[in-house]
N, C-alpha and C. Protein backbone atom coordinates (compact mmCIF):
# COMPACT_ATOMS: atom_id res chain seq x y z
N UNK A 1 24.16 91.16 2.83
CA UNK A 1 24.06 90.88 1.41
C UNK A 1 23.91 92.21 0.65
N UNK A 2 24.68 92.38 -0.39
CA UNK A 2 24.65 93.63 -1.17
C UNK A 2 23.38 93.70 -2.02
N UNK A 3 22.92 94.90 -2.23
CA UNK A 3 21.74 95.12 -3.06
C UNK A 3 22.07 94.93 -4.53
N UNK A 4 21.14 94.36 -5.30
CA UNK A 4 21.33 94.18 -6.73
C UNK A 4 20.80 95.37 -7.52
N UNK A 5 20.17 96.33 -6.85
CA UNK A 5 19.58 97.46 -7.55
C UNK A 5 20.59 98.21 -8.42
N UNK A 6 21.80 98.57 -7.92
CA UNK A 6 22.74 99.27 -8.80
C UNK A 6 23.09 98.47 -10.05
N UNK A 7 23.21 97.17 -9.94
CA UNK A 7 23.52 96.33 -11.10
C UNK A 7 22.36 96.37 -12.08
N UNK A 8 21.13 96.27 -11.58
CA UNK A 8 19.96 96.32 -12.46
C UNK A 8 19.84 97.68 -13.13
N UNK A 9 20.17 98.75 -12.40
CA UNK A 9 20.14 100.09 -13.00
C UNK A 9 21.13 100.19 -14.16
N UNK A 10 22.32 99.64 -13.98
CA UNK A 10 23.33 99.66 -15.04
C UNK A 10 22.87 98.87 -16.26
N UNK A 11 22.20 97.74 -16.03
CA UNK A 11 21.67 96.93 -17.14
C UNK A 11 20.63 97.73 -17.90
N UNK A 12 19.74 98.42 -17.19
CA UNK A 12 18.70 99.23 -17.85
C UNK A 12 19.30 100.37 -18.65
N UNK A 13 20.34 101.01 -18.10
CA UNK A 13 21.01 102.10 -18.82
C UNK A 13 21.61 101.57 -20.12
N UNK A 14 22.27 100.43 -20.05
CA UNK A 14 22.88 99.84 -21.25
C UNK A 14 21.81 99.46 -22.27
N UNK A 15 20.73 98.84 -21.81
CA UNK A 15 19.65 98.43 -22.71
C UNK A 15 19.00 99.64 -23.39
N UNK A 16 18.95 100.78 -22.70
CA UNK A 16 18.34 101.98 -23.26
C UNK A 16 19.28 102.70 -24.23
N UNK A 17 20.54 102.26 -24.30
CA UNK A 17 21.50 102.90 -25.19
C UNK A 17 21.92 104.28 -24.72
N UNK A 18 22.01 104.45 -23.41
CA UNK A 18 22.39 105.74 -22.86
C UNK A 18 23.69 105.62 -22.06
N UNK A 19 24.33 106.76 -21.84
CA UNK A 19 25.51 106.83 -20.99
C UNK A 19 25.35 108.03 -20.06
N UNK A 20 25.98 107.95 -18.91
CA UNK A 20 25.96 109.06 -17.96
C UNK A 20 27.34 109.69 -17.93
N UNK A 21 27.37 111.00 -17.81
CA UNK A 21 28.64 111.72 -17.79
C UNK A 21 28.54 112.88 -16.82
N UNK A 22 29.67 113.44 -16.46
CA UNK A 22 29.69 114.57 -15.53
C UNK A 22 30.08 114.12 -14.14
N UNK A 23 29.89 115.01 -13.22
CA UNK A 23 30.26 114.73 -11.83
C UNK A 23 29.05 114.91 -10.93
N UNK A 24 28.96 114.01 -9.94
CA UNK A 24 27.95 114.17 -8.90
C UNK A 24 28.58 115.01 -7.80
N UNK A 25 27.95 116.11 -7.48
CA UNK A 25 28.44 116.91 -6.36
C UNK A 25 28.01 116.25 -5.05
N UNK A 26 28.84 116.38 -4.05
CA UNK A 26 28.44 115.87 -2.73
C UNK A 26 29.16 116.63 -1.64
N UNK A 27 28.55 116.66 -0.47
CA UNK A 27 29.07 117.41 0.68
C UNK A 27 28.87 116.60 1.95
N UNK A 28 29.66 115.53 2.18
CA UNK A 28 29.46 114.74 3.40
C UNK A 28 29.79 115.55 4.65
N UNK A 29 29.01 115.33 5.69
CA UNK A 29 29.20 116.05 6.95
C UNK A 29 28.81 115.15 8.11
N UNK A 30 29.64 115.10 9.13
CA UNK A 30 29.30 114.37 10.35
C UNK A 30 28.31 115.22 11.12
N UNK A 31 27.10 114.67 11.34
CA UNK A 31 26.06 115.43 12.02
C UNK A 31 25.89 115.00 13.48
N UNK A 32 26.45 113.84 13.82
CA UNK A 32 26.36 113.36 15.20
C UNK A 32 27.54 112.45 15.46
N UNK A 33 28.14 112.54 16.65
CA UNK A 33 29.28 111.72 17.01
C UNK A 33 29.08 111.21 18.42
N UNK A 34 29.19 109.90 18.60
CA UNK A 34 29.01 109.28 19.91
C UNK A 34 30.26 108.45 20.22
N UNK A 35 31.06 108.92 21.16
CA UNK A 35 32.27 108.19 21.55
C UNK A 35 32.15 107.62 22.95
N UNK A 36 30.93 107.57 23.50
CA UNK A 36 30.75 107.12 24.88
C UNK A 36 30.74 105.61 25.01
N UNK A 37 30.36 104.87 23.98
CA UNK A 37 30.28 103.42 24.07
C UNK A 37 31.59 102.75 23.70
N UNK A 38 31.56 101.42 23.63
CA UNK A 38 32.76 100.67 23.26
C UNK A 38 33.06 100.79 21.77
N UNK A 39 32.03 101.06 20.97
CA UNK A 39 32.21 101.29 19.53
C UNK A 39 31.85 102.73 19.21
N UNK A 40 32.82 103.55 18.82
CA UNK A 40 32.47 104.91 18.41
C UNK A 40 31.54 104.89 17.19
N UNK A 41 30.54 105.76 17.21
CA UNK A 41 29.57 105.83 16.11
C UNK A 41 29.46 107.27 15.63
N UNK A 42 29.22 107.41 14.35
CA UNK A 42 28.99 108.74 13.78
C UNK A 42 27.82 108.66 12.80
N UNK A 43 27.04 109.71 12.74
CA UNK A 43 26.00 109.84 11.74
C UNK A 43 26.54 110.80 10.69
N UNK A 44 26.52 110.35 9.43
CA UNK A 44 27.04 111.15 8.32
C UNK A 44 25.90 111.45 7.37
N UNK A 45 25.78 112.71 7.00
CA UNK A 45 24.75 113.13 6.04
C UNK A 45 25.46 113.70 4.81
N UNK A 46 24.99 113.29 3.65
CA UNK A 46 25.59 113.75 2.40
C UNK A 46 24.48 114.21 1.47
N UNK A 47 24.75 115.24 0.71
CA UNK A 47 23.80 115.76 -0.26
C UNK A 47 24.38 115.56 -1.65
N UNK A 48 23.72 114.72 -2.46
CA UNK A 48 24.17 114.49 -3.82
C UNK A 48 23.48 115.48 -4.75
N UNK A 49 24.28 116.20 -5.53
CA UNK A 49 23.76 117.22 -6.44
C UNK A 49 23.89 116.74 -7.88
N UNK A 50 22.82 116.89 -8.67
CA UNK A 50 22.79 116.43 -10.05
C UNK A 50 23.04 117.48 -11.14
N UNK A 51 23.16 118.77 -10.86
CA UNK A 51 23.25 119.73 -11.95
C UNK A 51 24.36 119.46 -12.98
N UNK A 52 25.49 118.91 -12.58
CA UNK A 52 26.59 118.65 -13.52
C UNK A 52 26.54 117.22 -14.08
N UNK A 53 25.48 116.48 -13.81
CA UNK A 53 25.31 115.09 -14.25
C UNK A 53 24.42 115.08 -15.47
N UNK A 54 24.85 114.42 -16.53
CA UNK A 54 24.06 114.39 -17.76
C UNK A 54 23.91 112.97 -18.27
N UNK A 55 22.75 112.70 -18.86
CA UNK A 55 22.50 111.44 -19.54
C UNK A 55 22.49 111.73 -21.03
N UNK A 56 23.24 110.91 -21.78
CA UNK A 56 23.37 111.12 -23.22
C UNK A 56 22.95 109.87 -23.99
N UNK A 57 22.44 110.06 -25.21
CA UNK A 57 22.24 108.95 -26.12
C UNK A 57 23.64 108.48 -26.53
N UNK A 58 23.92 107.19 -26.36
CA UNK A 58 25.26 106.68 -26.61
C UNK A 58 25.68 106.87 -28.07
N UNK A 59 24.78 106.66 -29.01
CA UNK A 59 25.15 106.73 -30.43
C UNK A 59 25.32 108.16 -30.94
N UNK A 60 24.48 109.08 -30.48
CA UNK A 60 24.49 110.44 -31.02
C UNK A 60 25.16 111.47 -30.11
N UNK A 61 25.28 111.16 -28.84
CA UNK A 61 25.82 112.12 -27.88
C UNK A 61 24.84 113.19 -27.47
N UNK A 62 23.58 113.07 -27.95
CA UNK A 62 22.54 114.05 -27.63
C UNK A 62 22.15 113.95 -26.15
N UNK A 63 22.02 115.11 -25.50
CA UNK A 63 21.64 115.15 -24.09
C UNK A 63 20.17 114.79 -23.93
N UNK A 64 19.90 113.94 -22.96
CA UNK A 64 18.53 113.58 -22.60
C UNK A 64 18.19 114.38 -21.34
N UNK A 65 17.25 115.31 -21.42
CA UNK A 65 16.95 116.13 -20.25
C UNK A 65 16.34 115.31 -19.12
N UNK A 66 16.66 115.72 -17.90
CA UNK A 66 16.04 115.09 -16.74
C UNK A 66 14.57 115.49 -16.70
N UNK A 67 13.71 114.62 -16.20
CA UNK A 67 12.30 115.01 -16.06
C UNK A 67 12.18 116.24 -15.17
N UNK A 68 11.27 117.12 -15.49
CA UNK A 68 11.11 118.37 -14.73
C UNK A 68 10.71 118.11 -13.28
N UNK A 69 10.12 116.95 -13.00
CA UNK A 69 9.69 116.63 -11.64
C UNK A 69 10.77 115.92 -10.83
N UNK A 70 11.90 115.60 -11.45
CA UNK A 70 12.96 114.88 -10.74
C UNK A 70 13.73 115.84 -9.85
N UNK A 71 13.90 115.47 -8.57
CA UNK A 71 14.71 116.32 -7.68
C UNK A 71 16.14 116.43 -8.21
N UNK A 72 16.77 117.56 -7.96
CA UNK A 72 18.15 117.78 -8.37
C UNK A 72 19.14 117.53 -7.24
N UNK A 73 18.60 117.35 -6.03
CA UNK A 73 19.44 117.05 -4.86
C UNK A 73 18.81 115.92 -4.08
N UNK A 74 19.65 115.04 -3.59
CA UNK A 74 19.21 113.91 -2.77
C UNK A 74 20.02 113.92 -1.48
N UNK A 75 19.36 113.72 -0.35
CA UNK A 75 20.04 113.66 0.94
C UNK A 75 20.13 112.19 1.36
N UNK A 76 21.34 111.78 1.71
CA UNK A 76 21.58 110.42 2.19
C UNK A 76 22.15 110.52 3.59
N UNK A 77 21.62 109.72 4.52
CA UNK A 77 22.10 109.71 5.89
C UNK A 77 22.43 108.27 6.28
N UNK A 78 23.57 108.11 6.94
CA UNK A 78 23.97 106.77 7.39
C UNK A 78 24.66 106.85 8.73
N UNK A 79 24.69 105.74 9.45
CA UNK A 79 25.42 105.64 10.71
C UNK A 79 26.59 104.71 10.49
N UNK A 80 27.76 105.12 10.91
CA UNK A 80 28.96 104.31 10.75
C UNK A 80 29.58 104.03 12.10
N UNK A 81 30.24 102.86 12.22
CA UNK A 81 30.92 102.47 13.45
C UNK A 81 32.36 102.12 13.13
N UNK A 82 33.21 102.33 14.11
CA UNK A 82 34.61 101.93 13.94
C UNK A 82 34.70 100.44 14.20
């Protein structure tokens, strides 16, 4: 079952009257590969970078700064199978 969190985040963004613009940087990399079993598996790690991502007030276009305590990079790791 898919998570509803991304949908709820989009609803909150719309309710706040904001828009997001820019590009999320990312660098996916296979960190582990297992081809010994019947299903090949790989571990993929990606780093999402926020420096080029901006939140704006929809009506004015004014930039809303990110909180100073918010990380600018997030690491995501997943395992995938063929």
